[in-house]
Amino acid sequence: MQRAISAVARSSLTRAARFNSTPAWVKPQYVELFKSNLDKLEYPEKAVGGEHLVFSKLMYQIAKAEGKEEKYLSDLQTLKQNAKQLSRTWRTSSNVAEDKEFQEMEPGVRFVLRWMQTSAQMERLEDVTKIFAIYVKAAKKTMVVPVTLAGLPETQQKNVDAAKKAAQTVLSTRFPDKKDWKLEFDYVVDPGIIDGWRLEVGSLVVEDMSAYLSTFEKAAGASAQVDYTAVPVAKPLATEWPLNAGVEMFSDWCDELTTYDMEEAKFGA
C-alpha cells in the first residue's frame, strides 16, 4: 500500500522544528520503525482502512516491540474517556507529546499521536484505535464484536443471547479459518432501536428485524380496524377579522402605491 503520509510529515516529527531537540523519551526503536516500510511487516489480521491505517500499524509495531499491546490499548481507551474533560480543540491546540495531561500514557502512544497531530489526522483517532484493537485482539485469536441494543445488556438478556448465538454462527460459517477464535462482545446502547439487536462480525453486519416487523404488523392491524368512511366531517371555522381590518389593509396598500408613484415621478423608473 502506498504510504499515505508524505515524507515531509514523517521526518518532521523528530526534527528540531517539532521538538527543538529529540526528547529523551523518544526511543531509537520508535524512529527506526517510523522510518521503516510498515506494509512489509507482519500483522495478525488484515485490516481495511484509509490513510489512518498507517498510524495503527506503527502503533502496533511499537507496542509489540515493547510487549505492551494491552497497555497501549488501555491508554487509547482512557484517552477517549478523558477527552470530554479537555478543551474542544485539544486535538489541534494541545501537544500530546509534552503536555502534562498526556504524560501518564506510554511514550510510544504519545509518539504516534504526535505524528497524527503534525499530519492533521487527529480526527481519525477513533478509527486508529479501532484498527489497533483489531490487531491486539487478533494476536490472541479474539474477535471483537460490537453489539447494539435498545437498552443496557442486563435488561436485554433475551436479545444478548440471540446476538451471541448469531455471531457464533456467522463466525463458523463465514470465517472458517477462525473457527477456533474467541468472540469478545462490546455492547452499545442505541435508544433509537425499538427492540432486537444489531452486530458486526468482521465486515459483516447482522441485524434482528423481528421487532421492526412485529411493530409494523401491529400498526397495520390497528389501522385496518379503523373505518375512515365513518369519520365525521370537520366543520370549517370562519376566520375572525377585527372590525374594519379589511378596510385598513386596503388603505395601507393604496398608500404604498402612492409612495411608489411619487418616487417614480421624482427619480424615474
Protein backbone atom coordinates (compact mmCIF):
# COMPACT_ATOMS: atom_id res chain seq x y z
CA MET A 1 0.00 0.00 0.00
CA GLN A 2 1.29 3.44 -0.86
CA ARG A 3 2.23 5.43 2.20
CA ALA A 4 -0.49 7.96 2.79
CA ILE A 5 1.54 10.47 4.75
CA SER A 6 4.21 12.49 2.99
CA ALA A 7 7.89 12.07 3.76
CA VAL A 8 7.96 15.66 4.95
CA ALA A 9 5.37 14.98 7.62
CA ARG A 10 7.18 11.80 8.69
CA SER A 11 10.61 13.33 9.02
CA SER A 12 9.34 16.49 10.67
CA LEU A 13 8.21 14.55 13.73
CA THR A 14 11.74 14.10 15.04
CA ARG A 15 13.24 17.29 13.62
CA ALA A 16 14.24 20.21 15.78
CA ALA A 17 11.35 22.18 14.26
CA ARG A 18 8.96 19.94 16.19
CA PHE A 19 10.83 19.14 19.38
CA ASN A 20 13.72 21.67 19.39
CA SER A 21 15.78 18.58 20.18
CA THR A 22 14.84 14.91 20.25
CA PRO A 23 13.38 14.26 23.74
CA ALA A 24 14.88 11.58 25.92
CA TRP A 25 11.60 9.65 25.97
CA VAL A 26 11.72 9.10 22.18
CA LYS A 27 13.42 5.71 21.96
CA PRO A 28 15.61 4.88 18.95
CA GLN A 29 13.35 1.97 18.02
CA TYR A 30 10.43 4.41 17.63
CA VAL A 31 12.34 6.31 14.98
CA GLU A 32 13.54 3.12 13.28
CA LEU A 33 10.01 1.76 12.96
CA PHE A 34 8.78 5.21 11.98
CA LYS A 35 11.17 5.27 9.02
CA SER A 36 10.60 1.62 8.04
CA ASN A 37 8.21 0.25 5.44
CA LEU A 38 5.37 -0.72 7.73
CA ASP A 39 3.50 -2.51 4.94
CA LYS A 40 6.18 -5.22 4.78
CA LEU A 41 5.96 -6.07 8.48
CA GLU A 42 3.72 -8.81 9.88
CA TYR A 43 0.27 -8.25 11.38
CA PRO A 44 -2.12 -10.75 12.98
CA GLU A 45 -5.06 -9.62 10.86
CA LYS A 46 -5.74 -7.90 7.54
CA ALA A 47 -7.36 -4.59 8.32
CA VAL A 48 -9.15 -2.36 5.84
CA GLY A 49 -8.80 1.40 6.16
CA GLY A 50 -7.75 4.64 4.56
CA GLU A 51 -4.88 6.98 5.33
CA HIS A 52 -5.24 6.38 9.06
CA LEU A 53 -4.21 2.72 8.71
CA VAL A 54 -0.51 3.65 8.76
CA PHE A 55 -0.85 5.11 12.28
CA SER A 56 -2.46 1.91 13.57
CA LYS A 57 0.34 -0.13 12.02
CA LEU A 58 3.07 1.96 13.63
CA MET A 59 1.27 1.88 16.98
CA TYR A 60 1.03 -1.90 16.83
CA GLN A 61 4.65 -2.45 15.82
CA ILE A 62 5.93 -0.23 18.65
CA ALA A 63 3.59 -1.84 21.19
CA LYS A 64 4.61 -5.36 20.08
CA ALA A 65 8.29 -4.47 20.27
CA GLU A 66 7.81 -3.35 23.87
CA GLY A 67 5.40 -6.16 24.76
CA LYS A 68 2.79 -3.63 25.93
CA GLU A 69 -0.07 -4.16 23.48
CA GLU A 70 -2.76 -4.22 26.18
CA LYS A 71 -1.29 -1.17 27.94
CA TYR A 72 -1.28 0.81 24.69
CA LEU A 73 -4.90 -0.15 24.06
CA SER A 74 -5.83 0.84 27.62
CA ASP A 75 -4.15 4.24 27.15
CA LEU A 76 -6.14 4.90 23.97
CA GLN A 77 -9.41 3.88 25.61
CA THR A 78 -8.66 6.05 28.65
CA LEU A 79 -7.87 9.00 26.39
CA LYS A 80 -11.26 8.59 24.71
CA GLN A 81 -12.99 8.71 28.12
CA ASN A 82 -10.97 11.68 29.39
CA ALA A 83 -11.34 13.68 26.17
CA LYS A 84 -14.66 15.07 27.44
CA GLN A 85 -12.77 16.88 30.20
CA LEU A 86 -10.32 18.51 27.78
CA SER A 87 -10.92 21.59 25.67
CA ARG A 88 -12.92 21.17 22.49
CA THR A 89 -9.84 21.99 20.42
CA TRP A 90 -7.42 19.69 22.26
CA ARG A 91 -6.77 17.61 19.13
CA THR A 92 -5.10 20.60 17.44
CA SER A 93 -4.26 23.07 20.21
CA SER A 94 -2.51 20.72 22.62
CA ASN A 95 0.79 18.90 22.35
CA VAL A 96 0.08 15.26 23.15
CA ALA A 97 3.81 14.53 23.31
CA GLU A 98 4.71 17.02 26.02
CA ASP A 99 1.61 18.46 27.75
CA LYS A 100 1.12 17.23 31.31
CA GLU A 101 -2.41 15.96 30.63
CA PHE A 102 -0.96 13.17 28.49
CA GLN A 103 2.14 12.19 30.46
CA GLU A 104 0.53 9.09 32.00
CA MET A 105 0.29 7.49 28.56
CA GLU A 106 3.05 5.26 27.24
CA PRO A 107 5.77 7.16 25.32
CA GLY A 108 5.06 5.11 22.21
CA VAL A 109 1.41 6.16 22.26
CA ARG A 110 2.37 9.82 22.56
CA PHE A 111 4.91 9.40 19.76
CA VAL A 112 2.28 8.13 17.29
CA LEU A 113 -0.34 10.64 18.41
CA ARG A 114 2.13 13.46 17.92
CA TRP A 115 2.74 12.23 14.38
CA MET A 116 -1.01 12.29 13.82
CA GLN A 117 -1.13 15.88 15.09
CA THR A 118 1.66 17.07 12.81
CA SER A 119 -0.12 15.34 9.91
CA ALA A 120 -3.51 16.92 10.77
CA GLN A 121 -5.05 13.46 11.23
CA MET A 122 -6.22 13.57 14.86
CA GLU A 123 -9.86 13.49 13.76
CA ARG A 124 -9.21 9.84 12.80
CA LEU A 125 -8.20 8.87 16.35
CA GLU A 126 -11.23 6.62 16.90
CA ASP A 127 -10.58 4.81 13.62
CA VAL A 128 -6.92 4.36 14.53
CA THR A 129 -7.89 2.96 17.93
CA LYS A 130 -10.38 0.56 16.34
CA ILE A 131 -7.83 -0.89 13.92
CA PHE A 132 -5.18 -1.10 16.65
CA ALA A 133 -7.66 -3.01 18.85
CA ILE A 134 -8.29 -5.45 15.98
CA TYR A 135 -4.55 -6.15 15.76
CA VAL A 136 -4.16 -6.62 19.51
CA LYS A 137 -7.16 -8.96 19.85
CA ALA A 138 -6.37 -10.89 16.68
CA ALA A 139 -2.91 -11.69 18.03
CA LYS A 140 -4.74 -13.60 20.78
CA LYS A 141 -7.21 -15.16 18.31
CA THR A 142 -10.02 -13.00 19.59
CA MET A 143 -12.51 -11.05 17.51
CA VAL A 144 -14.30 -8.03 18.96
CA VAL A 145 -18.00 -7.96 18.02
CA PRO A 146 -19.82 -4.65 18.53
CA VAL A 147 -23.43 -5.31 19.57
CA THR A 148 -26.04 -2.55 19.53
CA LEU A 149 -29.04 -2.94 21.85
CA ALA A 150 -32.09 -0.86 22.71
CA GLY A 151 -31.13 -0.85 26.40
CA LEU A 152 -28.49 -1.95 28.87
CA PRO A 153 -27.33 -5.58 28.41
CA GLU A 154 -28.61 -6.62 31.84
CA THR A 155 -32.13 -5.64 30.78
CA GLN A 156 -31.84 -7.26 27.35
CA GLN A 157 -30.83 -10.80 28.22
CA LYS A 158 -33.00 -12.39 25.53
CA ASN A 159 -31.52 -10.19 22.82
CA VAL A 160 -28.00 -10.65 24.20
CA ASP A 161 -28.30 -14.44 23.99
CA ALA A 162 -29.75 -14.25 20.46
CA ALA A 163 -26.97 -11.90 19.32
CA LYS A 164 -24.24 -14.14 20.74
CA LYS A 165 -25.72 -17.17 19.03
CA ALA A 166 -25.95 -15.34 15.71
CA ALA A 167 -22.37 -14.07 15.99
CA GLN A 168 -21.06 -17.57 16.66
CA THR A 169 -22.97 -18.89 13.65
CA VAL A 170 -21.58 -16.17 11.38
CA LEU A 171 -18.05 -16.83 12.65
CA SER A 172 -18.20 -20.56 11.95
CA THR A 173 -19.91 -20.29 8.55
CA ARG A 174 -18.36 -17.17 7.03
CA PHE A 175 -14.94 -17.30 8.69
CA PRO A 176 -13.98 -21.00 8.77
CA ASP A 177 -10.31 -20.09 9.20
CA LYS A 178 -11.21 -18.51 12.55
CA LYS A 179 -13.43 -21.28 13.91
CA ASP A 180 -11.16 -21.68 16.95
CA TRP A 181 -11.22 -17.94 17.75
CA LYS A 182 -12.97 -16.44 20.74
CA LEU A 183 -15.58 -13.71 20.49
CA GLU A 184 -15.46 -10.63 22.69
CA PHE A 185 -18.66 -8.58 22.75
CA ASP A 186 -18.70 -4.80 23.02
CA TYR A 187 -22.20 -3.54 23.87
CA VAL A 188 -23.54 -0.18 22.71
CA VAL A 189 -26.93 1.25 23.68
CA ASP A 190 -28.99 2.96 20.98
CA PRO A 191 -32.39 4.23 22.22
CA GLY A 192 -33.47 4.63 18.59
CA ILE A 193 -33.78 0.86 18.25
CA ILE A 194 -37.29 -0.33 19.02
CA ASP A 195 -36.11 -3.74 20.11
CA GLY A 196 -33.82 -6.52 18.94
CA TRP A 197 -30.13 -6.13 18.19
CA ARG A 198 -27.52 -5.34 15.55
CA LEU A 199 -23.98 -6.72 15.48
CA GLU A 200 -20.87 -6.62 13.32
CA VAL A 201 -18.72 -9.70 12.77
CA GLY A 202 -15.65 -8.74 10.80
CA SER A 203 -17.01 -6.81 7.84
CA LEU A 204 -20.48 -8.38 8.04
CA VAL A 205 -23.42 -6.63 9.69
CA VAL A 206 -26.24 -8.80 11.08
CA GLU A 207 -29.49 -7.31 12.33
CA ASP A 208 -32.55 -8.73 14.05
CA MET A 209 -35.58 -7.32 12.21
CA SER A 210 -38.25 -9.27 14.10
CA ALA A 211 -39.03 -6.35 16.42
CA TYR A 212 -39.50 -3.99 13.49
CA LEU A 213 -41.75 -6.47 11.69
CA SER A 214 -43.80 -7.07 14.82
CA THR A 215 -44.29 -3.33 15.38
CA PHE A 216 -45.21 -2.86 11.72
CA GLU A 217 -47.77 -5.68 11.87
CA LYS A 218 -49.37 -4.21 14.99
CA ALA A 219 -49.59 -0.79 13.38
CA ALA A 220 -51.04 -2.27 10.19
CA GLY A 221 -53.60 -4.28 12.19
CA ALA A 222 -54.66 -1.23 14.15
CA SER A 223 -55.12 0.85 11.00
CA ALA A 224 -57.18 -1.91 9.39
CA GLN A 225 -59.72 -1.68 12.22
CA VAL A 226 -60.43 1.99 11.59
CA ASP A 227 -63.41 2.79 9.32
CA TYR A 228 -62.25 6.01 7.75
CA THR A 229 -65.57 6.41 5.90
CA ALA A 230 -67.29 6.91 9.26
CA VAL A 231 -65.03 9.73 10.36
CA PRO A 232 -67.22 12.83 10.85
CA VAL A 233 -66.63 15.75 8.54
CA ALA A 234 -64.79 18.60 10.19
CA LYS A 235 -66.74 21.85 10.34
CA PRO A 236 -64.75 24.77 8.91
CA LEU A 237 -64.37 27.78 11.17
CA ALA A 238 -64.67 31.26 9.77
CA THR A 239 -61.64 33.49 10.19
CA GLU A 240 -62.38 36.26 12.64
CA TRP A 241 -61.35 39.71 11.43
CA PRO A 242 -61.17 42.75 13.68
CA LEU A 243 -63.65 45.48 12.78
CA ASN A 244 -62.62 47.40 9.63
CA ALA A 245 -59.41 45.30 9.31
CA GLY A 246 -60.01 44.79 5.59
CA VAL A 247 -60.53 48.50 5.00
CA GLU A 248 -57.31 49.36 6.85
CA MET A 249 -55.26 46.82 4.90
CA PHE A 250 -56.60 48.15 1.58
CA SER A 251 -55.88 51.72 2.67
CA ASP A 252 -52.29 50.88 3.59
CA TRP A 253 -51.79 49.16 0.26
CA CYS A 254 -53.05 52.25 -1.59
CA ASP A 255 -50.73 54.47 0.42
CA GLU A 256 -47.76 52.31 -0.58
CA LEU A 257 -48.72 52.54 -4.25
CA THR A 258 -48.98 56.33 -3.96
CA THR A 259 -45.50 56.48 -2.40
CA TYR A 260 -44.04 54.38 -5.22
CA ASP A 261 -45.71 56.61 -7.84
CA MET A 262 -44.28 59.76 -6.22
CA GLU A 263 -40.76 58.30 -6.13
CA GLU A 264 -41.03 57.20 -9.76
CA ALA A 265 -42.20 60.66 -10.81
CA LYS A 266 -39.27 62.26 -8.98
CA PHE A 267 -36.44 59.88 -9.75
CA GLY A 268 -37.72 58.00 -12.75
CA ALA A 269 -38.48 54.34 -13.21
